[in-house]
Every structure is written in C-alpha cells, then in structure tokens.
Amino acid sequence: MSFLLPRLTCKREVDQAIKTVAEKVLVLRFGRDTDAVCLQLDDILAKTAHDLSKMAVIYLVDVNNVPVYTQYFDISYIPSTVFFFNGQHMKVDYGSPDHTKFVGSFKTKQDFIDLIEVIYRGAMRGKLIVRSPIDPNNIPKYDLLYQGI
C-alpha cells in the first residue's frame, strides 16, 4: 500500500512540506519500503488518508534519503512517525520518555485516526504537546538508544 502515498525524496522536499502545509497535520513516516513493519504502517496510513484528508497530509520519507532529519529526530528505530502543524513540531505524550515521535506501527486504523484528531484539535487551540488517546497496551514498547554519547 505504500505506493498509494506520496513520497519526499530529499531534504529540500521535506523542508518544503513542513513550510507549506497549513491548517492541517503533516504526518511524516520515516522508514524503509522493504521493512515489514513499515509496510504494515503504510497500509494503515493509506487506508486512513482519504478519511483524514480534511485534517492531515501524509508523506513517506526514506531514512536513507534524508540523513539530516534522521539524525535530527534521533530516528534509531523504524518506522517512526513525526507530526507537524503549521511548521511547528507537534509532540505527543504516549506515556513513554520520547514525546517527539511515534515509534512502530499503529495496532488499528482507529488508533491512528484518534491520534490525528487529538493532534489537530490541540494544535488548533495553540498547544504544542497533546496527550495520546491510544490505549497504552496498543503502544509499542522500546528502549531509548542514545547514539554518540
């Protein structure tokens, strides 16, 4: 299903998307097209893209094509999903130490839809961090790895 979603292939395209997407949540999925978990997440993103078209724009970004953003967001696990609203990085409290990105795949389409709705509503109220509506049992657990420390 990843072929149904638009791709950003270089840093300039990612910069442009962050700057130009207005009044919608920008969803950037960092990963690889060959990874099984990325394909599972892409399937969920593709199935919900039409339903969320008034609230969100979804792009796929290959971690090998934009090493600047891969390093900036400390993407050591893929897939990682990062959210923006009007050029501002939106943070989400998932109950984990890292609020900057969602790591792994969503368990259901409804989890992703609920998350986008909460981010959109929070962003429209001027918030830069929102609390995740996803059941903590549906959030993948991982250990943070700090590279180069």
N, C-alpha and C. Protein backbone atom coordinates (compact mmCIF):
# COMPACT_ATOMS: atom_id res chain seq x y z
N MET A 1 0.81 -1.20 0.00
CA MET A 1 0.00 0.00 0.00
C MET A 1 0.85 1.26 0.00
N SER A 2 2.15 1.13 0.23
CA SER A 2 2.98 2.33 0.31
C SER A 2 3.03 3.08 -1.01
N PHE A 3 2.71 2.40 -2.11
CA PHE A 3 2.72 3.08 -3.41
C PHE A 3 1.57 4.07 -3.55
N LEU A 4 0.58 4.02 -2.66
CA LEU A 4 -0.56 4.93 -2.72
C LEU A 4 -0.28 6.28 -2.07
N LEU A 5 0.76 6.35 -1.27
CA LEU A 5 1.06 7.58 -0.54
C LEU A 5 2.21 8.33 -1.20
N PRO A 6 2.17 9.67 -1.17
CA PRO A 6 3.25 10.46 -1.77
C PRO A 6 4.54 10.35 -0.96
N ARG A 7 5.66 10.50 -1.66
CA ARG A 7 6.98 10.38 -1.04
C ARG A 7 7.73 11.70 -1.11
N LEU A 8 8.56 11.91 -0.09
CA LEU A 8 9.50 13.02 -0.10
C LEU A 8 10.88 12.39 -0.20
N THR A 9 11.63 12.77 -1.23
CA THR A 9 12.86 12.04 -1.54
C THR A 9 14.14 12.78 -1.17
N CYS A 10 14.03 14.04 -0.73
CA CYS A 10 15.24 14.77 -0.35
C CYS A 10 14.91 15.79 0.73
N LYS A 11 15.96 16.36 1.32
CA LYS A 11 15.79 17.32 2.40
C LYS A 11 14.98 18.52 1.96
N ARG A 12 15.22 19.00 0.75
CA ARG A 12 14.50 20.17 0.24
C ARG A 12 13.00 19.91 0.19
N GLU A 13 12.58 18.73 -0.24
CA GLU A 13 11.16 18.39 -0.31
C GLU A 13 10.55 18.31 1.09
N VAL A 14 11.28 17.77 2.06
CA VAL A 14 10.78 17.71 3.43
C VAL A 14 10.63 19.12 3.99
N ASP A 15 11.66 19.97 3.77
CA ASP A 15 11.58 21.36 4.21
C ASP A 15 10.37 22.06 3.62
N GLN A 16 10.16 21.86 2.33
CA GLN A 16 9.04 22.50 1.63
C GLN A 16 7.70 22.04 2.20
N ALA A 17 7.57 20.76 2.48
CA ALA A 17 6.32 20.23 3.05
C ALA A 17 6.06 20.84 4.42
N ILE A 18 7.10 20.92 5.25
CA ILE A 18 6.94 21.49 6.60
C ILE A 18 6.50 22.95 6.51
N LYS A 19 7.07 23.69 5.56
CA LYS A 19 6.76 25.12 5.43
C LYS A 19 5.39 25.39 4.81
N THR A 20 4.97 24.54 3.88
CA THR A 20 3.78 24.88 3.08
C THR A 20 2.48 24.24 3.55
N VAL A 21 2.54 23.14 4.27
CA VAL A 21 1.29 22.51 4.73
C VAL A 21 0.70 23.38 5.83
N ALA A 22 -0.48 23.96 5.56
CA ALA A 22 -1.09 24.90 6.50
C ALA A 22 -2.46 24.39 6.95
N GLU A 23 -2.76 24.62 8.21
CA GLU A 23 -4.05 24.28 8.81
C GLU A 23 -4.38 22.79 8.74
N LYS A 24 -3.37 21.96 8.56
CA LYS A 24 -3.53 20.51 8.59
C LYS A 24 -2.34 19.91 9.33
N VAL A 25 -2.54 18.72 9.86
CA VAL A 25 -1.45 17.99 10.49
C VAL A 25 -0.60 17.36 9.39
N LEU A 26 0.70 17.61 9.44
CA LEU A 26 1.63 16.99 8.50
C LEU A 26 2.18 15.74 9.17
N VAL A 27 1.97 14.59 8.53
CA VAL A 27 2.43 13.30 9.06
C VAL A 27 3.60 12.84 8.20
N LEU A 28 4.77 12.68 8.81
CA LEU A 28 5.94 12.18 8.09
C LEU A 28 6.29 10.81 8.66
N ARG A 29 6.18 9.78 7.82
CA ARG A 29 6.56 8.42 8.24
C ARG A 29 7.98 8.16 7.76
N PHE A 30 8.91 8.08 8.71
CA PHE A 30 10.30 7.77 8.39
C PHE A 30 10.48 6.27 8.47
N GLY A 31 11.02 5.67 7.41
CA GLY A 31 11.23 4.23 7.40
C GLY A 31 11.85 3.78 6.09
N ARG A 32 11.65 2.51 5.78
CA ARG A 32 12.14 1.93 4.52
C ARG A 32 11.01 1.12 3.89
N ASP A 33 10.97 1.14 2.58
CA ASP A 33 9.92 0.42 1.86
C ASP A 33 10.07 -1.09 1.96
N THR A 34 11.23 -1.57 2.32
CA THR A 34 11.47 -3.01 2.38
C THR A 34 11.20 -3.60 3.75
N ASP A 35 10.97 -2.75 4.75
CA ASP A 35 10.77 -3.23 6.11
C ASP A 35 9.32 -3.67 6.31
N ALA A 36 9.12 -4.83 6.92
CA ALA A 36 7.77 -5.39 7.09
C ALA A 36 6.88 -4.52 7.98
N VAL A 37 7.44 -3.98 9.07
CA VAL A 37 6.64 -3.14 9.97
C VAL A 37 6.27 -1.83 9.27
N CYS A 38 7.18 -1.30 8.46
CA CYS A 38 6.89 -0.08 7.68
C CYS A 38 5.74 -0.34 6.71
N LEU A 39 5.74 -1.49 6.08
CA LEU A 39 4.66 -1.83 5.14
C LEU A 39 3.33 -1.97 5.86
N GLN A 40 3.36 -2.51 7.07
CA GLN A 40 2.13 -2.62 7.87
C GLN A 40 1.61 -1.23 8.22
N LEU A 41 2.50 -0.34 8.64
CA LEU A 41 2.10 1.04 8.96
C LEU A 41 1.61 1.76 7.71
N ASP A 42 2.30 1.58 6.59
CA ASP A 42 1.89 2.22 5.33
C ASP A 42 0.48 1.80 4.93
N ASP A 43 0.13 0.55 5.19
CA ASP A 43 -1.21 0.05 4.89
C ASP A 43 -2.25 0.83 5.71
N ILE A 44 -1.98 1.02 6.99
CA ILE A 44 -2.90 1.78 7.85
C ILE A 44 -2.98 3.23 7.38
N LEU A 45 -1.83 3.84 7.08
CA LEU A 45 -1.81 5.23 6.63
C LEU A 45 -2.58 5.40 5.32
N ALA A 46 -2.38 4.48 4.39
CA ALA A 46 -3.06 4.57 3.09
C ALA A 46 -4.57 4.42 3.24
N LYS A 47 -5.00 3.52 4.10
CA LYS A 47 -6.44 3.29 4.28
C LYS A 47 -7.13 4.46 4.97
N THR A 48 -6.39 5.23 5.78
CA THR A 48 -7.00 6.35 6.50
C THR A 48 -6.76 7.70 5.83
N ALA A 49 -5.90 7.76 4.84
CA ALA A 49 -5.53 9.04 4.22
C ALA A 49 -6.75 9.79 3.68
N HIS A 50 -7.65 9.07 3.02
CA HIS A 50 -8.84 9.73 2.45
C HIS A 50 -9.76 10.24 3.54
N ASP A 51 -9.98 9.44 4.59
CA ASP A 51 -10.86 9.82 5.69
C ASP A 51 -10.34 11.05 6.43
N LEU A 52 -9.01 11.18 6.51
CA LEU A 52 -8.40 12.27 7.26
C LEU A 52 -7.97 13.44 6.37
N SER A 53 -8.38 13.44 5.11
CA SER A 53 -7.87 14.43 4.16
C SER A 53 -8.18 15.88 4.54
N LYS A 54 -9.21 16.12 5.34
CA LYS A 54 -9.52 17.49 5.78
C LYS A 54 -8.66 17.91 6.98
N MET A 55 -8.04 16.93 7.66
CA MET A 55 -7.26 17.23 8.86
C MET A 55 -5.77 16.96 8.70
N ALA A 56 -5.37 16.10 7.76
CA ALA A 56 -3.97 15.67 7.71
C ALA A 56 -3.48 15.44 6.29
N VAL A 57 -2.17 15.61 6.13
CA VAL A 57 -1.46 15.27 4.89
C VAL A 57 -0.38 14.28 5.29
N ILE A 58 -0.29 13.17 4.58
CA ILE A 58 0.62 12.09 4.95
C ILE A 58 1.68 11.91 3.86
N TYR A 59 2.94 11.88 4.27
CA TYR A 59 4.05 11.64 3.36
C TYR A 59 4.93 10.53 3.91
N LEU A 60 5.56 9.79 3.00
CA LEU A 60 6.54 8.77 3.36
C LEU A 60 7.93 9.32 3.09
N VAL A 61 8.84 9.10 4.02
CA VAL A 61 10.21 9.57 3.89
C VAL A 61 11.14 8.39 4.15
N ASP A 62 12.05 8.12 3.21
CA ASP A 62 13.03 7.05 3.39
C ASP A 62 14.18 7.58 4.24
N VAL A 63 14.50 6.86 5.31
CA VAL A 63 15.54 7.33 6.24
C VAL A 63 16.90 7.48 5.56
N ASN A 64 17.15 6.73 4.49
CA ASN A 64 18.44 6.82 3.80
C ASN A 64 18.54 8.07 2.94
N ASN A 65 17.41 8.64 2.53
CA ASN A 65 17.41 9.80 1.65
C ASN A 65 17.58 11.12 2.39
N VAL A 66 17.20 11.17 3.65
CA VAL A 66 17.28 12.42 4.42
C VAL A 66 18.00 12.19 5.74
N PRO A 67 19.31 11.93 5.70
CA PRO A 67 20.05 11.66 6.93
C PRO A 67 20.04 12.84 7.92
N VAL A 68 19.87 14.05 7.41
CA VAL A 68 19.82 15.22 8.29
C VAL A 68 18.63 15.11 9.25
N TYR A 69 17.45 14.79 8.73
CA TYR A 69 16.26 14.65 9.57
C TYR A 69 16.30 13.36 10.39
N THR A 70 16.87 12.33 9.85
CA THR A 70 17.01 11.08 10.59
C THR A 70 17.83 11.32 11.85
N GLN A 71 18.90 12.08 11.72
CA GLN A 71 19.74 12.40 12.88
C GLN A 71 19.05 13.42 13.77
N TYR A 72 18.41 14.43 13.20
CA TYR A 72 17.78 15.49 13.98
C TYR A 72 16.68 14.93 14.90
N PHE A 73 15.85 14.03 14.38
CA PHE A 73 14.78 13.44 15.18
C PHE A 73 15.23 12.18 15.92
N ASP A 74 16.52 11.86 15.83
CA ASP A 74 17.10 10.70 16.51
C ASP A 74 16.31 9.43 16.17
N ILE A 75 16.17 9.18 14.90
CA ILE A 75 15.41 8.01 14.45
C ILE A 75 16.35 6.81 14.41
N SER A 76 16.29 6.02 15.48
CA SER A 76 17.11 4.83 15.55
C SER A 76 16.26 3.58 15.35
N TYR A 77 14.95 3.71 15.51
CA TYR A 77 14.01 2.62 15.23
C TYR A 77 13.10 3.05 14.09
N ILE A 78 12.82 2.12 13.18
CA ILE A 78 11.86 2.42 12.12
C ILE A 78 10.71 1.44 12.22
N PRO A 79 9.51 1.82 11.81
CA PRO A 79 9.14 3.16 11.36
C PRO A 79 8.96 4.12 12.54
N SER A 80 9.23 5.38 12.28
CA SER A 80 8.97 6.45 13.23
C SER A 80 8.10 7.48 12.54
N THR A 81 7.07 7.95 13.21
CA THR A 81 6.13 8.90 12.64
C THR A 81 6.23 10.21 13.41
N VAL A 82 6.45 11.30 12.66
CA VAL A 82 6.62 12.62 13.25
C VAL A 82 5.48 13.51 12.76
N PHE A 83 4.99 14.39 13.63
CA PHE A 83 3.83 15.23 13.32
C PHE A 83 4.20 16.71 13.39
N PHE A 84 3.65 17.49 12.44
CA PHE A 84 3.81 18.94 12.42
C PHE A 84 2.46 19.59 12.22
N PHE A 85 2.35 20.86 12.64
CA PHE A 85 1.16 21.66 12.35
C PHE A 85 1.62 23.09 12.12
N ASN A 86 1.35 23.63 10.94
CA ASN A 86 1.76 24.99 10.56
C ASN A 86 3.25 25.22 10.83
N GLY A 87 4.08 24.26 10.47
CA GLY A 87 5.52 24.39 10.61
C GLY A 87 6.05 24.11 12.01
N GLN A 88 5.18 23.87 12.97
CA GLN A 88 5.58 23.58 14.34
C GLN A 88 5.60 22.06 14.57
N HIS A 89 6.66 21.59 15.20
CA HIS A 89 6.75 20.17 15.53
C HIS A 89 5.78 19.89 16.67
N MET A 90 4.84 18.99 16.46
CA MET A 90 3.85 18.62 17.48
C MET A 90 4.37 17.43 18.28
N LYS A 91 4.34 17.57 19.58
CA LYS A 91 4.77 16.48 20.46
C LYS A 91 3.54 15.82 21.07
N VAL A 92 3.66 14.51 21.33
CA VAL A 92 2.55 13.74 21.88
C VAL A 92 3.07 12.92 23.05
N ASP A 93 2.36 13.00 24.17
CA ASP A 93 2.72 12.23 25.36
C ASP A 93 2.09 10.84 25.23
N TYR A 94 2.92 9.85 24.89
CA TYR A 94 2.44 8.47 24.73
C TYR A 94 2.61 7.67 26.02
N GLY A 95 3.10 8.31 27.07
CA GLY A 95 3.41 7.59 28.29
C GLY A 95 4.80 6.98 28.22
N SER A 96 5.59 7.40 27.25
CA SER A 96 6.97 6.92 27.10
C SER A 96 7.90 8.12 27.27
N PRO A 97 9.20 7.89 27.42
CA PRO A 97 10.12 9.01 27.62
C PRO A 97 10.25 9.93 26.41
N ASP A 98 9.94 9.45 25.22
CA ASP A 98 10.12 10.23 24.00
C ASP A 98 8.78 10.75 23.49
N HIS A 99 8.61 12.06 23.46
CA HIS A 99 7.37 12.67 23.01
C HIS A 99 7.47 13.20 21.58
N THR A 100 8.63 13.07 20.95
CA THR A 100 8.85 13.71 19.65
C THR A 100 8.34 12.89 18.47
N LYS A 101 8.16 11.58 18.66
CA LYS A 101 7.75 10.73 17.53
C LYS A 101 7.04 9.49 18.04
N PHE A 102 6.25 8.89 17.14
CA PHE A 102 5.62 7.60 17.45
C PHE A 102 6.48 6.53 16.79
N VAL A 103 6.96 5.59 17.58
CA VAL A 103 7.83 4.54 17.05
C VAL A 103 7.03 3.26 16.89
N GLY A 104 7.15 2.64 15.71
CA GLY A 104 6.44 1.40 15.44
C GLY A 104 5.19 1.64 14.63
N SER A 105 4.38 0.62 14.52
CA SER A 105 3.14 0.70 13.75
C SER A 105 1.95 0.82 14.70
N PHE A 106 0.91 1.45 14.22
CA PHE A 106 -0.33 1.53 14.99
C PHE A 106 -1.01 0.17 14.92
N LYS A 107 -1.67 -0.23 15.99
CA LYS A 107 -2.34 -1.53 16.01
C LYS A 107 -3.58 -1.54 15.12
N THR A 108 -4.32 -0.42 15.13
CA THR A 108 -5.56 -0.34 14.34
C THR A 108 -5.64 0.99 13.62
N LYS A 109 -6.48 1.03 12.61
CA LYS A 109 -6.74 2.29 11.90
C LYS A 109 -7.33 3.31 12.85
N GLN A 110 -8.21 2.86 13.74
CA GLN A 110 -8.88 3.79 14.65
C GLN A 110 -7.90 4.47 15.60
N ASP A 111 -6.84 3.77 16.02
CA ASP A 111 -5.82 4.39 16.86
C ASP A 111 -5.19 5.58 16.15
N PHE A 112 -4.86 5.40 14.87
CA PHE A 112 -4.24 6.48 14.09
C PHE A 112 -5.23 7.64 13.89
N ILE A 113 -6.47 7.32 13.57
CA ILE A 113 -7.49 8.36 13.36
C ILE A 113 -7.68 9.17 14.65
N ASP A 114 -7.80 8.48 15.78
CA ASP A 114 -7.97 9.17 17.06
C ASP A 114 -6.78 10.08 17.36
N LEU A 115 -5.58 9.60 17.09
CA LEU A 115 -4.38 10.39 17.36
C LEU A 115 -4.36 11.66 16.51
N ILE A 116 -4.67 11.54 15.23
CA ILE A 116 -4.69 12.72 14.35
C ILE A 116 -5.74 13.71 14.82
N GLU A 117 -6.91 13.23 15.22
CA GLU A 117 -7.95 14.15 15.70
C GLU A 117 -7.50 14.90 16.94
N VAL A 118 -6.84 14.22 17.88
CA VAL A 118 -6.37 14.88 19.09
C VAL A 118 -5.27 15.89 18.76
N ILE A 119 -4.35 15.53 17.89
CA ILE A 119 -3.28 16.47 17.49
C ILE A 119 -3.89 17.69 16.80
N TYR A 120 -4.83 17.46 15.90
CA TYR A 120 -5.47 18.57 15.16
C TYR A 120 -6.19 19.51 16.11
N ARG A 121 -7.00 18.96 17.00
CA ARG A 121 -7.75 19.80 17.94
C ARG A 121 -6.82 20.57 18.88
N GLY A 122 -5.79 19.89 19.37
CA GLY A 122 -4.82 20.55 20.24
C GLY A 122 -4.08 21.66 19.52
N ALA A 123 -3.66 21.39 18.29
CA ALA A 123 -2.93 22.39 17.51
C ALA A 123 -3.81 23.60 17.21
N MET A 124 -5.09 23.37 16.93
CA MET A 124 -5.99 24.49 16.66
C MET A 124 -6.17 25.36 17.90
N ARG A 125 -5.95 24.80 19.08
CA ARG A 125 -6.03 25.58 20.33
C ARG A 125 -4.67 26.17 20.72
N GLY A 126 -3.66 25.95 19.89
CA GLY A 126 -2.34 26.53 20.15
C GLY A 126 -1.42 25.67 21.00
N LYS A 127 -1.80 24.43 21.26
CA LYS A 127 -0.95 23.55 22.07
C LYS A 127 0.15 22.95 21.20
N LEU A 128 1.32 22.74 21.80
CA LEU A 128 2.44 22.11 21.10
C LEU A 128 2.67 20.68 21.56
N ILE A 129 1.99 20.28 22.64
CA ILE A 129 2.06 18.90 23.11
C ILE A 129 0.66 18.48 23.54
N VAL A 130 0.28 17.27 23.15
CA VAL A 130 -1.04 16.73 23.50
C VAL A 130 -0.86 15.35 24.11
N ARG A 131 -1.88 14.88 24.80
CA ARG A 131 -1.85 13.55 25.40
C ARG A 131 -2.44 12.55 24.41
N SER A 132 -1.77 11.43 24.26
CA SER A 132 -2.20 10.41 23.32
C SER A 132 -3.51 9.75 23.75
N PRO A 133 -4.46 9.60 22.80
CA PRO A 133 -5.71 8.91 23.10
C PRO A 133 -5.60 7.39 22.95
N ILE A 134 -4.45 6.91 22.51
CA ILE A 134 -4.27 5.49 22.23
C ILE A 134 -4.10 4.72 23.55
N ASP A 135 -4.78 3.58 23.64
CA ASP A 135 -4.66 2.70 24.79
C ASP A 135 -3.18 2.34 24.99
N PRO A 136 -2.64 2.51 26.19
CA PRO A 136 -1.22 2.20 26.43
C PRO A 136 -0.82 0.78 26.03
N ASN A 137 -1.76 -0.15 26.04
CA ASN A 137 -1.45 -1.52 25.61
C ASN A 137 -1.21 -1.60 24.11
N ASN A 138 -1.68 -0.62 23.35
CA ASN A 138 -1.50 -0.62 21.89
C ASN A 138 -0.29 0.17 21.45
N ILE A 139 0.47 0.73 22.39
CA ILE A 139 1.67 1.50 22.04
C ILE A 139 2.88 0.58 22.17
N PRO A 140 3.66 0.44 21.08
CA PRO A 140 4.83 -0.44 21.13
C PRO A 140 5.83 0.03 22.19
N LYS A 141 6.41 -0.91 22.90
CA LYS A 141 7.41 -0.59 23.92
C LYS A 141 8.80 -0.77 23.32
N TYR A 142 9.69 0.15 23.66
CA TYR A 142 11.06 0.08 23.18
C TYR A 142 11.95 0.81 24.17
N ASP A 143 13.24 0.53 24.11
CA ASP A 143 14.22 1.21 24.94
C ASP A 143 14.88 2.29 24.11
N LEU A 144 15.06 3.47 24.72
CA LEU A 144 15.72 4.56 24.01
C LEU A 144 17.21 4.25 23.87
N LEU A 145 17.72 4.47 22.69
CA LEU A 145 19.14 4.32 22.44
C LEU A 145 19.69 5.69 22.09
N TYR A 146 20.64 6.16 22.82
CA TYR A 146 21.28 7.44 22.50
C TYR A 146 22.60 7.14 21.82
N GLN A 147 22.70 7.52 20.57
CA GLN A 147 23.89 7.22 19.81
C GLN A 147 24.89 8.37 19.97
N GLY A 148 26.16 8.03 20.06
CA GLY A 148 27.22 9.03 20.09
C GLY A 148 27.38 9.72 21.43
N ILE A 149 26.89 9.11 22.51
CA ILE A 149 27.05 9.73 23.84
C ILE A 149 28.11 8.97 24.61
